[in-house]
Amino acid sequence: MRALIRLEGDDVHGDLGSLQDWLGREARLRGRIARERPVPRPGEMGSAAEVLVAALGTGGAVSVLAASLGTWLTTRRSRVTLKITGPGGRSVEVDGKSDDVLKLLHTVLPERREDDGDGTR
């Protein structure tokens, strides 16, 4: 499952790099975060803004992402808002004032469990 993370704030370029480095330090997210320029959909004009793409697997990756995003947001001195878009196109915005980042993320990113071997989840 892929999640797109966009930033809004005073220093989007610098904050995007900071967030990418921060998320890359999480063992469960290492190698799963990439910076890219999204391809516009038919009828949309192109965007110059880069995003972070998180490739989330099973086994708690959404929870790890939520905890890491929440902590990163609290370290920001400048005002920053994150817009996270899930695979279905639904999105949610979080900032340093968001109380429960995990709950907000679960509205757009369902937590998938690992298969226990007998085909059930």
PDB file of N, CA and C in Angstrom:
ATOM      1  N   MET A   1       0.849  -1.169   0.000  1.00  0.00           N
ATOM      2  CA  MET A   1       0.000   0.000   0.000  1.00  0.00           C
ATOM      3  C   MET A   1       0.893   1.229   0.000  1.00  0.00           C
ATOM      4  N   ARG A   2       0.510   2.210  -0.809  1.00  0.00           N
ATOM      5  CA  ARG A   2       1.276   3.455  -0.909  1.00  0.00           C
ATOM      6  C   ARG A   2       0.517   4.600  -0.259  1.00  0.00           C
ATOM      7  N   ALA A   3       1.264   5.453   0.401  1.00  0.00           N
ATOM      8  CA  ALA A   3       0.698   6.671   0.966  1.00  0.00           C
ATOM      9  C   ALA A   3       1.528   7.841   0.455  1.00  0.00           C
ATOM     10  N   LEU A   4       0.861   8.888  -0.002  1.00  0.00           N
ATOM     11  CA  LEU A   4       1.536  10.111  -0.436  1.00  0.00           C
ATOM     12  C   LEU A   4       1.492  11.113   0.703  1.00  0.00           C
ATOM     13  N   ILE A   5       2.625  11.728   0.987  1.00  0.00           N
ATOM     14  CA  ILE A   5       2.708  12.705   2.069  1.00  0.00           C
ATOM     15  C   ILE A   5       3.138  14.036   1.459  1.00  0.00           C
ATOM     16  N   ARG A   6       2.230  15.028   1.514  1.00  0.00           N
ATOM     17  CA  ARG A   6       2.515  16.383   1.022  1.00  0.00           C
ATOM     18  C   ARG A   6       2.682  17.301   2.216  1.00  0.00           C
ATOM     19  N   LEU A   7       3.501  18.317   2.057  1.00  0.00           N
ATOM     20  CA  LEU A   7       3.713  19.292   3.121  1.00  0.00           C
ATOM     21  C   LEU A   7       3.237  20.663   2.692  1.00  0.00           C
ATOM     22  N   GLU A   8       2.706  21.393   3.646  1.00  0.00           N
ATOM     23  CA  GLU A   8       2.372  22.801   3.470  1.00  0.00           C
ATOM     24  C   GLU A   8       3.005  23.543   4.625  1.00  0.00           C
ATOM     25  N   GLY A   9       3.640  24.662   4.330  1.00  0.00           N
ATOM     26  CA  GLY A   9       4.264  25.442   5.391  1.00  0.00           C
ATOM     27  C   GLY A   9       5.234  26.447   4.830  1.00  0.00           C
ATOM     28  N   ASP A  10       6.062  26.986   5.714  1.00  0.00           N
ATOM     29  CA  ASP A  10       6.991  28.052   5.345  1.00  0.00           C
ATOM     30  C   ASP A  10       8.173  27.563   4.510  1.00  0.00           C
ATOM     31  N   ASP A  11       8.682  26.380   4.793  1.00  0.00           N
ATOM     32  CA  ASP A  11       9.869  25.852   4.120  1.00  0.00           C
ATOM     33  C   ASP A  11       9.612  24.423   3.667  1.00  0.00           C
ATOM     34  N   VAL A  12       8.743  24.276   2.667  1.00  0.00           N
ATOM     35  CA  VAL A  12       8.316  22.952   2.229  1.00  0.00           C
ATOM     36  C   VAL A  12       9.498  22.107   1.784  1.00  0.00           C
ATOM     37  N   HIS A  13      10.396  22.668   0.987  1.00  0.00           N
ATOM     38  CA  HIS A  13      11.528  21.894   0.474  1.00  0.00           C
ATOM     39  C   HIS A  13      12.419  21.398   1.611  1.00  0.00           C
ATOM     40  N   GLY A  14      12.784  22.290   2.522  1.00  0.00           N
ATOM     41  CA  GLY A  14      13.629  21.902   3.657  1.00  0.00           C
ATOM     42  C   GLY A  14      12.936  20.934   4.593  1.00  0.00           C
ATOM     43  N   ASP A  15      11.653  21.185   4.864  1.00  0.00           N
ATOM     44  CA  ASP A  15      10.904  20.296   5.757  1.00  0.00           C
ATOM     45  C   ASP A  15      10.690  18.923   5.137  1.00  0.00           C
ATOM     46  N   LEU A  16      10.519  18.870   3.817  1.00  0.00           N
ATOM     47  CA  LEU A  16      10.351  17.579   3.153  1.00  0.00           C
ATOM     48  C   LEU A  16      11.615  16.728   3.304  1.00  0.00           C
ATOM     49  N   GLY A  17      12.771  17.357   3.130  1.00  0.00           N
ATOM     50  CA  GLY A  17      14.035  16.644   3.330  1.00  0.00           C
ATOM     51  C   GLY A  17      14.214  16.198   4.763  1.00  0.00           C
ATOM     52  N   SER A  18      13.847  17.060   5.706  1.00  0.00           N
ATOM     53  CA  SER A  18      13.940  16.726   7.123  1.00  0.00           C
ATOM     54  C   SER A  18      13.041  15.537   7.458  1.00  0.00           C
ATOM     55  N   LEU A  19      11.813  15.559   6.942  1.00  0.00           N
ATOM     56  CA  LEU A  19      10.878  14.464   7.213  1.00  0.00           C
ATOM     57  C   LEU A  19      11.367  13.163   6.581  1.00  0.00           C
ATOM     58  N   GLN A  20      11.902  13.237   5.377  1.00  0.00           N
ATOM     59  CA  GLN A  20      12.419  12.029   4.723  1.00  0.00           C
ATOM     60  C   GLN A  20      13.551  11.423   5.550  1.00  0.00           C
ATOM     61  N   ASP A  21      14.464  12.255   6.028  1.00  0.00           N
ATOM     62  CA  ASP A  21      15.557  11.764   6.879  1.00  0.00           C
ATOM     63  C   ASP A  21      15.011  11.155   8.165  1.00  0.00           C
ATOM     64  N   TRP A  22      14.056  11.836   8.780  1.00  0.00           N
ATOM     65  CA  TRP A  22      13.457  11.378  10.038  1.00  0.00           C
ATOM     66  C   TRP A  22      12.819   9.998   9.879  1.00  0.00           C
ATOM     67  N   LEU A  23      11.994   9.859   8.839  1.00  0.00           N
ATOM     68  CA  LEU A  23      11.311   8.585   8.613  1.00  0.00           C
ATOM     69  C   LEU A  23      12.297   7.476   8.251  1.00  0.00           C
ATOM     70  N   GLY A  24      13.370   7.843   7.568  1.00  0.00           N
ATOM     71  CA  GLY A  24      14.386   6.866   7.190  1.00  0.00           C
ATOM     72  C   GLY A  24      15.140   6.286   8.370  1.00  0.00           C
ATOM     73  N   ARG A  25      15.062   6.944   9.516  1.00  0.00           N
ATOM     74  CA  ARG A  25      15.719   6.431  10.727  1.00  0.00           C
ATOM     75  C   ARG A  25      14.894   5.372  11.444  1.00  0.00           C
ATOM     76  N   GLU A  26      13.623   5.250  11.072  1.00  0.00           N
ATOM     77  CA  GLU A  26      12.759   4.231  11.663  1.00  0.00           C
ATOM     78  C   GLU A  26      13.069   2.889  11.004  1.00  0.00           C
ATOM     79  N   ALA A  27      13.431   1.906  11.794  1.00  0.00           N
ATOM     80  CA  ALA A  27      13.802   0.596  11.243  1.00  0.00           C
ATOM     81  C   ALA A  27      12.699   0.018  10.357  1.00  0.00           C
ATOM     82  N   ARG A  28      11.430   0.141  10.761  1.00  0.00           N
ATOM     83  CA  ARG A  28      10.313  -0.446  10.000  1.00  0.00           C
ATOM     84  C   ARG A  28      10.002   0.329   8.722  1.00  0.00           C
ATOM     85  N   LEU A  29      10.527   1.565   8.602  1.00  0.00           N
ATOM     86  CA  LEU A  29      10.260   2.379   7.419  1.00  0.00           C
ATOM     87  C   LEU A  29      11.482   2.539   6.527  1.00  0.00           C
ATOM     88  N   ARG A  30      12.640   2.119   7.008  1.00  0.00           N
ATOM     89  CA  ARG A  30      13.884   2.292   6.249  1.00  0.00           C
ATOM     90  C   ARG A  30      13.767   1.634   4.879  1.00  0.00           C
ATOM     91  N   GLY A  31      14.089   2.409   3.841  1.00  0.00           N
ATOM     92  CA  GLY A  31      14.012   1.918   2.473  1.00  0.00           C
ATOM     93  C   GLY A  31      12.616   1.952   1.881  1.00  0.00           C
ATOM     94  N   ARG A  32      11.650   2.432   2.637  1.00  0.00           N
ATOM     95  CA  ARG A  32      10.259   2.461   2.166  1.00  0.00           C
ATOM     96  C   ARG A  32       9.760   3.875   1.885  1.00  0.00           C
ATOM     97  N   ILE A  33      10.634   4.871   2.046  1.00  0.00           N
ATOM     98  CA  ILE A  33      10.248   6.268   1.847  1.00  0.00           C
ATOM     99  C   ILE A  33      11.037   6.834   0.672  1.00  0.00           C
ATOM    100  N   ALA A  34      10.328   7.364  -0.317  1.00  0.00           N
ATOM    101  CA  ALA A  34      10.983   7.935  -1.491  1.00  0.00           C
ATOM    102  C   ALA A  34      10.389   9.307  -1.785  1.00  0.00           C
ATOM    103  N   ARG A  35      11.192  10.140  -2.386  1.00  0.00           N
ATOM    104  CA  ARG A  35      10.749  11.474  -2.784  1.00  0.00           C
ATOM    105  C   ARG A  35      10.450  11.433  -4.277  1.00  0.00           C
ATOM    106  N   GLU A  36       9.284  11.901  -4.662  1.00  0.00           N
ATOM    107  CA  GLU A  36       8.966  11.940  -6.087  1.00  0.00           C
ATOM    108  C   GLU A  36       8.040  13.098  -6.412  1.00  0.00           C
ATOM    109  N   ARG A  37       7.965  13.368  -7.687  1.00  0.00           N
ATOM    110  CA  ARG A  37       7.059  14.390  -8.209  1.00  0.00           C
ATOM    111  C   ARG A  37       5.864  13.645  -8.792  1.00  0.00           C
ATOM    112  N   PRO A  38       4.660  13.849  -8.234  1.00  0.00           N
ATOM    113  CA  PRO A  38       3.504  13.079  -8.697  1.00  0.00           C
ATOM    114  C   PRO A  38       3.147  13.378 -10.149  1.00  0.00           C
ATOM    115  N   VAL A  39       2.657  12.364 -10.827  1.00  0.00           N
ATOM    116  CA  VAL A  39       2.196  12.494 -12.210  1.00  0.00           C
ATOM    117  C   VAL A  39       0.762  13.015 -12.167  1.00  0.00           C
ATOM    118  N   PRO A  40       0.479  14.082 -12.906  1.00  0.00           N
ATOM    119  CA  PRO A  40      -0.900  14.597 -12.879  1.00  0.00           C
ATOM    120  C   PRO A  40      -1.880  13.619 -13.523  1.00  0.00           C
ATOM    121  N   ARG A  41      -3.099  13.611 -13.008  1.00  0.00           N
ATOM    122  CA  ARG A  41      -4.173  12.788 -13.574  1.00  0.00           C
ATOM    123  C   ARG A  41      -4.670  13.463 -14.853  1.00  0.00           C
ATOM    124  N   PRO A  42      -5.358  12.729 -15.710  1.00  0.00           N
ATOM    125  CA  PRO A  42      -5.901  13.342 -16.934  1.00  0.00           C
ATOM    126  C   PRO A  42      -6.782  14.544 -16.590  1.00  0.00           C
ATOM    127  N   GLY A  43      -6.534  15.638 -17.276  1.00  0.00           N
ATOM    128  CA  GLY A  43      -7.307  16.857 -17.046  1.00  0.00           C
ATOM    129  C   GLY A  43      -6.718  17.775 -16.001  1.00  0.00           C
ATOM    130  N   GLU A  44      -5.714  17.315 -15.243  1.00  0.00           N
ATOM    131  CA  GLU A  44      -5.075  18.151 -14.229  1.00  0.00           C
ATOM    132  C   GLU A  44      -3.798  18.760 -14.797  1.00  0.00           C
ATOM    133  N   MET A  45      -3.476  19.939 -14.320  1.00  0.00           N
ATOM    134  CA  MET A  45      -2.205  20.545 -14.693  1.00  0.00           C
ATOM    135  C   MET A  45      -1.128  19.942 -13.803  1.00  0.00           C
ATOM    136  N   GLY A  46       0.081  19.940 -14.277  1.00  0.00           N
ATOM    137  CA  GLY A  46       1.192  19.379 -13.508  1.00  0.00           C
ATOM    138  C   GLY A  46       1.472  20.179 -12.254  1.00  0.00           C
ATOM    139  N   SER A  47       2.133  19.535 -11.293  1.00  0.00           N
ATOM    140  CA  SER A  47       2.474  20.169 -10.032  1.00  0.00           C
ATOM    141  C   SER A  47       3.987  20.170  -9.870  1.00  0.00           C
ATOM    142  N   ALA A  48       4.518  21.273  -9.379  1.00  0.00           N
ATOM    143  CA  ALA A  48       5.957  21.360  -9.152  1.00  0.00           C
ATOM    144  C   ALA A  48       6.328  20.789  -7.784  1.00  0.00           C
ATOM    145  N   ALA A  49       5.329  20.572  -6.947  1.00  0.00           N
ATOM    146  CA  ALA A  49       5.592  20.129  -5.579  1.00  0.00           C
ATOM    147  C   ALA A  49       5.991  18.660  -5.542  1.00  0.00           C
ATOM    148  N   GLU A  50       7.030  18.372  -4.769  1.00  0.00           N
ATOM    149  CA  GLU A  50       7.427  16.998  -4.545  1.00  0.00           C
ATOM    150  C   GLU A  50       6.662  16.456  -3.351  1.00  0.00           C
ATOM    151  N   VAL A  51       6.550  15.141  -3.296  1.00  0.00           N
ATOM    152  CA  VAL A  51       5.899  14.465  -2.182  1.00  0.00           C
ATOM    153  C   VAL A  51       6.797  13.338  -1.709  1.00  0.00           C
ATOM    154  N   LEU A  52       6.515  12.852  -0.514  1.00  0.00           N
ATOM    155  CA  LEU A  52       7.135  11.622  -0.052  1.00  0.00           C
ATOM    156  C   LEU A  52       6.140  10.506  -0.292  1.00  0.00           C
ATOM    157  N   VAL A  53       6.650   9.383  -0.764  1.00  0.00           N
ATOM    158  CA  VAL A  53       5.821   8.208  -0.973  1.00  0.00           C
ATOM    159  C   VAL A  53       6.278   7.153   0.013  1.00  0.00           C
ATOM    160  N   ALA A  54       5.343   6.689   0.831  1.00  0.00           N
ATOM    161  CA  ALA A  54       5.643   5.641   1.800  1.00  0.00           C
ATOM    162  C   ALA A  54       5.042   4.340   1.283  1.00  0.00           C
ATOM    163  N   ALA A  55       5.898   3.339   1.082  1.00  0.00           N
ATOM    164  CA  ALA A  55       5.440   2.013   0.677  1.00  0.00           C
ATOM    165  C   ALA A  55       5.252   1.210   1.953  1.00  0.00           C
ATOM    166  N   LEU A  56       4.004   1.065   2.363  1.00  0.00           N
ATOM    167  CA  LEU A  56       3.693   0.437   3.639  1.00  0.00           C
ATOM    168  C   LEU A  56       3.271  -1.001   3.434  1.00  0.00           C
ATOM    169  N   GLY A  57       3.926  -1.895   4.100  1.00  0.00           N
ATOM    170  CA  GLY A  57       3.567  -3.302   4.038  1.00  0.00           C
ATOM    171  C   GLY A  57       2.621  -3.647   5.162  1.00  0.00           C
ATOM    172  N   THR A  58       2.738  -4.851   5.634  1.00  0.00           N
ATOM    173  CA  THR A  58       1.867  -5.344   6.694  1.00  0.00           C
ATOM    174  C   THR A  58       2.568  -5.254   8.038  1.00  0.00           C
ATOM    175  N   GLY A  59       1.843  -5.605   9.066  1.00  0.00           N
ATOM    176  CA  GLY A  59       2.440  -5.763  10.382  1.00  0.00           C
ATOM    177  C   GLY A  59       2.770  -4.488  11.126  1.00  0.00           C
ATOM    178  N   GLY A  60       1.897  -3.502  11.078  1.00  0.00           N
ATOM    179  CA  GLY A  60       2.070  -2.332  11.923  1.00  0.00           C
ATOM    180  C   GLY A  60       2.781  -1.155  11.297  1.00  0.00           C
ATOM    181  N   ALA A  61       3.034  -1.182  10.000  1.00  0.00           N
ATOM    182  CA  ALA A  61       3.751  -0.073   9.362  1.00  0.00           C
ATOM    183  C   ALA A  61       2.976   1.238   9.458  1.00  0.00           C
ATOM    184  N   VAL A  62       1.649   1.187   9.397  1.00  0.00           N
ATOM    185  CA  VAL A  62       0.848   2.408   9.506  1.00  0.00           C
ATOM    186  C   VAL A  62       1.009   3.013  10.898  1.00  0.00           C
ATOM    187  N   SER A  63       1.018   2.175  11.922  1.00  0.00           N
ATOM    188  CA  SER A  63       1.195   2.662  13.291  1.00  0.00           C
ATOM    189  C   SER A  63       2.568   3.284  13.481  1.00  0.00           C
ATOM    190  N   VAL A  64       3.589   2.669  12.899  1.00  0.00           N
ATOM    191  CA  VAL A  64       4.950   3.211  12.998  1.00  0.00           C
ATOM    192  C   VAL A  64       5.015   4.553  12.284  1.00  0.00           C
ATOM    193  N   LEU A  65       4.413   4.635  11.094  1.00  0.00           N
ATOM    194  CA  LEU A  65       4.388   5.897  10.349  1.00  0.00           C
ATOM    195  C   LEU A  65       3.666   6.975  11.151  1.00  0.00           C
ATOM    196  N   ALA A  66       2.516   6.648  11.719  1.00  0.00           N
ATOM    197  CA  ALA A  66       1.740   7.627  12.492  1.00  0.00           C
ATOM    198  C   ALA A  66       2.531   8.134  13.690  1.00  0.00           C
ATOM    199  N   ALA A  67       3.160   7.243  14.430  1.00  0.00           N
ATOM    200  CA  ALA A  67       3.945   7.650  15.604  1.00  0.00           C
ATOM    201  C   ALA A  67       5.102   8.541  15.189  1.00  0.00           C
ATOM    202  N   SER A  68       5.770   8.167  14.111  1.00  0.00           N
ATOM    203  CA  SER A  68       6.918   8.944  13.656  1.00  0.00           C
ATOM    204  C   SER A  68       6.495  10.321  13.143  1.00  0.00           C
ATOM    205  N   LEU A  69       5.390  10.378  12.387  1.00  0.00           N
ATOM    206  CA  LEU A  69       4.885  11.671  11.907  1.00  0.00           C
ATOM    207  C   LEU A  69       4.486  12.566  13.069  1.00  0.00           C
ATOM    208  N   GLY A  70       3.794  11.992  14.052  1.00  0.00           N
ATOM    209  CA  GLY A  70       3.370  12.772  15.213  1.00  0.00           C
ATOM    210  C   GLY A  70       4.549  13.358  15.967  1.00  0.00           C
ATOM    211  N   THR A  71       5.577  12.558  16.166  1.00  0.00           N
ATOM    212  CA  THR A  71       6.764  13.043  16.877  1.00  0.00           C
ATOM    213  C   THR A  71       7.477  14.106  16.056  1.00  0.00           C
ATOM    214  N   TRP A  72       7.639  13.878  14.751  1.00  0.00           N
ATOM    215  CA  TRP A  72       8.309  14.849  13.890  1.00  0.00           C
ATOM    216  C   TRP A  72       7.578  16.186  13.921  1.00  0.00           C
ATOM    217  N   LEU A  73       6.250  16.149  13.856  1.00  0.00           N
ATOM    218  CA  LEU A  73       5.471  17.391  13.876  1.00  0.00           C
ATOM    219  C   LEU A  73       5.708  18.187  15.147  1.00  0.00           C
ATOM    220  N   THR A  74       5.854  17.504  16.272  1.00  0.00           N
ATOM    221  CA  THR A  74       6.059  18.229  17.530  1.00  0.00           C
ATOM    222  C   THR A  74       7.450  18.853  17.616  1.00  0.00           C
ATOM    223  N   THR A  75       8.388  18.413  16.777  1.00  0.00           N
ATOM    224  CA  THR A  75       9.740  18.992  16.796  1.00  0.00           C
ATOM    225  C   THR A  75       9.859  20.229  15.916  1.00  0.00           C
ATOM    226  N   ARG A  76       8.853  20.526  15.136  1.00  0.00           N
ATOM    227  CA  ARG A  76       8.908  21.647  14.194  1.00  0.00           C
ATOM    228  C   ARG A  76       8.743  22.971  14.920  1.00  0.00           C
ATOM    229  N   ARG A  77       9.591  23.905  14.589  1.00  0.00           N
ATOM    230  CA  ARG A  77       9.440  25.266  15.117  1.00  0.00           C
ATOM    231  C   ARG A  77       8.492  26.069  14.243  1.00  0.00           C
ATOM    232  N   SER A  78       8.542  25.797  12.940  1.00  0.00           N
ATOM    233  CA  SER A  78       7.648  26.496  12.021  1.00  0.00           C
ATOM    234  C   SER A  78       6.336  25.723  11.902  1.00  0.00           C
ATOM    235  N   ARG A  79       5.342  26.399  11.401  1.00  0.00           N
ATOM    236  CA  ARG A  79       4.029  25.776  11.201  1.00  0.00           C
ATOM    237  C   ARG A  79       4.099  24.872   9.981  1.00  0.00           C
ATOM    238  N   VAL A  80       3.752  23.616  10.168  1.00  0.00           N
ATOM    239  CA  VAL A  80       3.771  22.630   9.089  1.00  0.00           C
ATOM    240  C   VAL A  80       2.483  21.817   9.147  1.00  0.00           C
ATOM    241  N   THR A  81       1.901  21.581   7.982  1.00  0.00           N
ATOM    242  CA  THR A  81       0.739  20.708   7.867  1.00  0.00           C
ATOM    243  C   THR A  81       1.084  19.603   6.888  1.00  0.00           C
ATOM    244  N   LEU A  82       0.731  18.381   7.239  1.00  0.00           N
ATOM    245  CA  LEU A  82       0.946  17.232   6.366  1.00  0.00           C
ATOM    246  C   LEU A  82      -0.394  16.798   5.808  1.00  0.00           C
ATOM    247  N   LYS A  83      -0.423  16.501   4.523  1.00  0.00           N
ATOM    248  CA  LYS A  83      -1.615  15.934   3.891  1.00  0.00           C
ATOM    249  C   LYS A  83      -1.227  14.530   3.437  1.00  0.00           C
ATOM    250  N   ILE A  84      -1.857  13.522   4.027  1.00  0.00           N
ATOM    251  CA  ILE A  84      -1.563  12.133   3.712  1.00  0.00           C
ATOM    252  C   ILE A  84      -2.720  11.576   2.892  1.00  0.00           C
ATOM    253  N   THR A  85      -2.379  11.032   1.715  1.00  0.00           N
ATOM    254  CA  THR A  85      -3.377  10.475   0.810  1.00  0.00           C
ATOM    255  C   THR A  85      -3.150   8.979   0.691  1.00  0.00           C
ATOM    256  N   GLY A  86      -4.229   8.226   0.904  1.00  0.00           N
ATOM    257  CA  GLY A  86      -4.163   6.771   0.833  1.00  0.00           C
ATOM    258  C   GLY A  86      -4.414   6.254  -0.567  1.00  0.00           C
ATOM    259  N   PRO A  87      -4.384   4.935  -0.722  1.00  0.00           N
ATOM    260  CA  PRO A  87      -4.522   4.318  -2.044  1.00  0.00           C
ATOM    261  C   PRO A  87      -5.861   4.591  -2.729  1.00  0.00           C
ATOM    262  N   GLY A  88      -6.913   4.846  -1.983  1.00  0.00           N
ATOM    263  CA  GLY A  88      -8.223   5.118  -2.579  1.00  0.00           C
ATOM    264  C   GLY A  88      -8.433   6.571  -2.936  1.00  0.00           C
ATOM    265  N   GLY A  89      -7.424   7.415  -2.692  1.00  0.00           N
ATOM    266  CA  GLY A  89      -7.542   8.832  -2.991  1.00  0.00           C
ATOM    267  C   GLY A  89      -8.063   9.664  -1.833  1.00  0.00           C
ATOM    268  N   ARG A  90      -8.500   9.016  -0.751  1.00  0.00           N
ATOM    269  CA  ARG A  90      -8.945   9.766   0.427  1.00  0.00           C
ATOM    270  C   ARG A  90      -7.733  10.361   1.120  1.00  0.00           C
ATOM    271  N   SER A  91      -7.905  11.524   1.727  1.00  0.00           N
ATOM    272  CA  SER A  91      -6.775  12.159   2.388  1.00  0.00           C
ATOM    273  C   SER A  91      -7.195  12.756   3.722  1.00  0.00           C
ATOM    274  N   VAL A  92      -6.179  13.005   4.529  1.00  0.00           N
ATOM    275  CA  VAL A  92      -6.378  13.608   5.835  1.00  0.00           C
ATOM    276  C   VAL A  92      -5.228  14.589   6.064  1.00  0.00           C
ATOM    277  N   GLU A  93      -5.514  15.662   6.785  1.00  0.00           N
ATOM    278  CA  GLU A  93      -4.481  16.640   7.118  1.00  0.00           C
ATOM    279  C   GLU A  93      -4.190  16.575   8.609  1.00  0.00           C
ATOM    280  N   VAL A  94      -2.898  16.599   8.932  1.00  0.00           N
ATOM    281  CA  VAL A  94      -2.475  16.611  10.332  1.00  0.00           C
ATOM    282  C   VAL A  94      -1.445  17.709  10.518  1.00  0.00           C
ATOM    283  N   ASP A  95      -1.425  18.260  11.714  1.00  0.00           N
ATOM    284  CA  ASP A  95      -0.414  19.260  12.048  1.00  0.00           C
ATOM    285  C   ASP A  95       0.011  19.048  13.489  1.00  0.00           C
ATOM    286  N   GLY A  96       0.826  19.933  14.004  1.00  0.00           N
ATOM    287  CA  GLY A  96       1.343  19.808  15.364  1.00  0.00           C
ATOM    288  C   GLY A  96       0.268  19.850  16.432  1.00  0.00           C
ATOM    289  N   LYS A  97      -0.933  20.274  16.071  1.00  0.00           N
ATOM    290  CA  LYS A  97      -2.034  20.345  17.030  1.00  0.00           C
ATOM    291  C   LYS A  97      -2.940  19.117  16.981  1.00  0.00           C
ATOM    292  N   SER A  98      -2.692  18.212  16.040  1.00  0.00           N
ATOM    293  CA  SER A  98      -3.525  17.014  15.906  1.00  0.00           C
ATOM    294  C   SER A  98      -3.315  16.105  17.104  1.00  0.00           C
ATOM    295  N   ASP A  99      -4.396  15.729  17.751  1.00  0.00           N
ATOM    296  CA  ASP A  99      -4.314  14.918  18.961  1.00  0.00           C
ATOM    297  C   ASP A  99      -3.955  13.463  18.697  1.00  0.00           C
ATOM    298  N   ASP A 100      -4.588  12.852  17.734  1.00  0.00           N
ATOM    299  CA  ASP A 100      -4.399  11.425  17.522  1.00  0.00           C
ATOM    300  C   ASP A 100      -4.081  11.159  16.059  1.00  0.00           C
ATOM    301  N   VAL A 101      -2.801  11.258  15.706  1.00  0.00           N
ATOM    302  CA  VAL A 101      -2.377  11.077  14.325  1.00  0.00           C
ATOM    303  C   VAL A 101      -2.718   9.675  13.839  1.00  0.00           C
ATOM    304  N   LEU A 102      -2.562   8.653  14.699  1.00  0.00           N
ATOM    305  CA  LEU A 102      -2.869   7.277  14.303  1.00  0.00           C
ATOM    306  C   LEU A 102      -4.339   7.144  13.912  1.00  0.00           C
ATOM    307  N   LYS A 103      -5.220   7.680  14.713  1.00  0.00           N
ATOM    308  CA  LYS A 103      -6.650   7.596  14.407  1.00  0.00           C
ATOM    309  C   LYS A 103      -6.954   8.294  13.084  1.00  0.00           C
ATOM    310  N   LEU A 104      -6.360   9.459  12.851  1.00  0.00           N
ATOM    311  CA  LEU A 104      -6.574  10.172  11.599  1.00  0.00           C
ATOM    312  C   LEU A 104      -6.036   9.390  10.410  1.00  0.00           C
ATOM    313  N   LEU A 105      -4.854   8.798  10.555  1.00  0.00           N
ATOM    314  CA  LEU A 105      -4.279   8.023   9.459  1.00  0.00           C
ATOM    315  C   LEU A 105      -5.111   6.794   9.124  1.00  0.00           C
ATOM    316  N   HIS A 106      -5.681   6.172  10.140  1.00  0.00           N
ATOM    317  CA  HIS A 106      -6.496   4.982   9.890  1.00  0.00           C
ATOM    318  C   HIS A 106      -7.750   5.295   9.076  1.00  0.00           C
ATOM    319  N   THR A 107      -8.131   6.560   8.981  1.00  0.00           N
ATOM    320  CA  THR A 107      -9.282   6.900   8.140  1.00  0.00           C
ATOM    321  C   THR A 107      -8.946   6.788   6.662  1.00  0.00           C
ATOM    322  N   VAL A 108      -7.655   6.851   6.305  1.00  0.00           N
ATOM    323  CA  VAL A 108      -7.254   6.752   4.893  1.00  0.00           C
ATOM    324  C   VAL A 108      -6.309   5.578   4.617  1.00  0.00           C
ATOM    325  N   LEU A 109      -5.681   5.039   5.661  1.00  0.00           N
ATOM    326  CA  LEU A 109      -4.727   3.937   5.510  1.00  0.00           C
ATOM    327  C   LEU A 109      -5.116   2.797   6.447  1.00  0.00           C
ATOM    328  N   PRO A 110      -5.795   1.790   5.935  1.00  0.00           N
ATOM    329  CA  PRO A 110      -6.155   0.663   6.802  1.00  0.00           C
ATOM    330  C   PRO A 110      -4.915  -0.131   7.203  1.00  0.00           C
ATOM    331  N   GLU A 111      -4.864  -0.533   8.442  1.00  0.00           N
ATOM    332  CA  GLU A 111      -3.746  -1.361   8.939  1.00  0.00           C
ATOM    333  C   GLU A 111      -3.978  -2.781   8.465  1.00  0.00           C
ATOM    334  N   ARG A 112      -3.011  -3.317   7.760  1.00  0.00           N
ATOM    335  CA  ARG A 112      -3.120  -4.690   7.269  1.00  0.00           C
ATOM    336  C   ARG A 112      -2.226  -5.576   8.110  1.00  0.00           C
ATOM    337  N   ARG A 113      -2.766  -6.738   8.495  1.00  0.00           N
ATOM    338  CA  ARG A 113      -1.981  -7.685   9.289  1.00  0.00           C
ATOM    339  C   ARG A 113      -1.299  -8.674   8.360  1.00  0.00           C
ATOM    340  N   GLU A 114      -0.249  -9.269   8.872  1.00  0.00           N
ATOM    341  CA  GLU A 114       0.431 -10.307   8.113  1.00  0.00           C
ATOM    342  C   GLU A 114      -0.417 -11.565   8.105  1.00  0.00           C
ATOM    343  N   ASP A 115      -0.375 -12.310   7.023  1.00  0.00           N
ATOM    344  CA  ASP A 115      -1.082 -13.580   6.903  1.00  0.00           C
ATOM    345  C   ASP A 115      -0.472 -14.560   7.903  1.00  0.00           C
ATOM    346  N   ASP A 116      -1.318 -15.254   8.671  1.00  0.00           N
ATOM    347  CA  ASP A 116      -0.791 -16.150   9.698  1.00  0.00           C
ATOM    348  C   ASP A 116      -0.469 -17.542   9.171  1.00  0.00           C
ATOM    349  N   GLY A 117      -0.527 -17.711   7.833  1.00  0.00           N
ATOM    350  CA  GLY A 117      -0.123 -18.974   7.250  1.00  0.00           C
ATOM    351  C   GLY A 117      -1.268 -19.872   6.827  1.00  0.00           C
ATOM    352  N   ASP A 118      -2.471 -19.660   7.380  1.00  0.00           N
ATOM    353  CA  ASP A 118      -3.584 -20.522   6.986  1.00  0.00           C
ATOM    354  C   ASP A 118      -4.576 -19.801   6.091  1.00  0.00           C
ATOM    355  N   GLY A 119      -4.137 -18.630   5.567  1.00  0.00           N
ATOM    356  CA  GLY A 119      -4.986 -17.872   4.659  1.00  0.00           C
ATOM    357  C   GLY A 119      -5.898 -16.890   5.357  1.00  0.00           C
ATOM    358  N   THR A 120      -5.915 -16.897   6.689  1.00  0.00           N
ATOM    359  CA  THR A 120      -6.738 -15.930   7.417  1.00  0.00           C
ATOM    360  C   THR A 120      -5.877 -14.752   7.831  1.00  0.00           C
ATOM    361  N   ARG A 121      -6.539 -13.694   8.186  1.00  0.00           N
ATOM    362  CA  ARG A 121      -5.812 -12.493   8.622  1.00  0.00           C
ATOM    363  C   ARG A 121      -6.299 -12.089   9.977  1.00  0.00           C
TER     364      ARG A 121
END
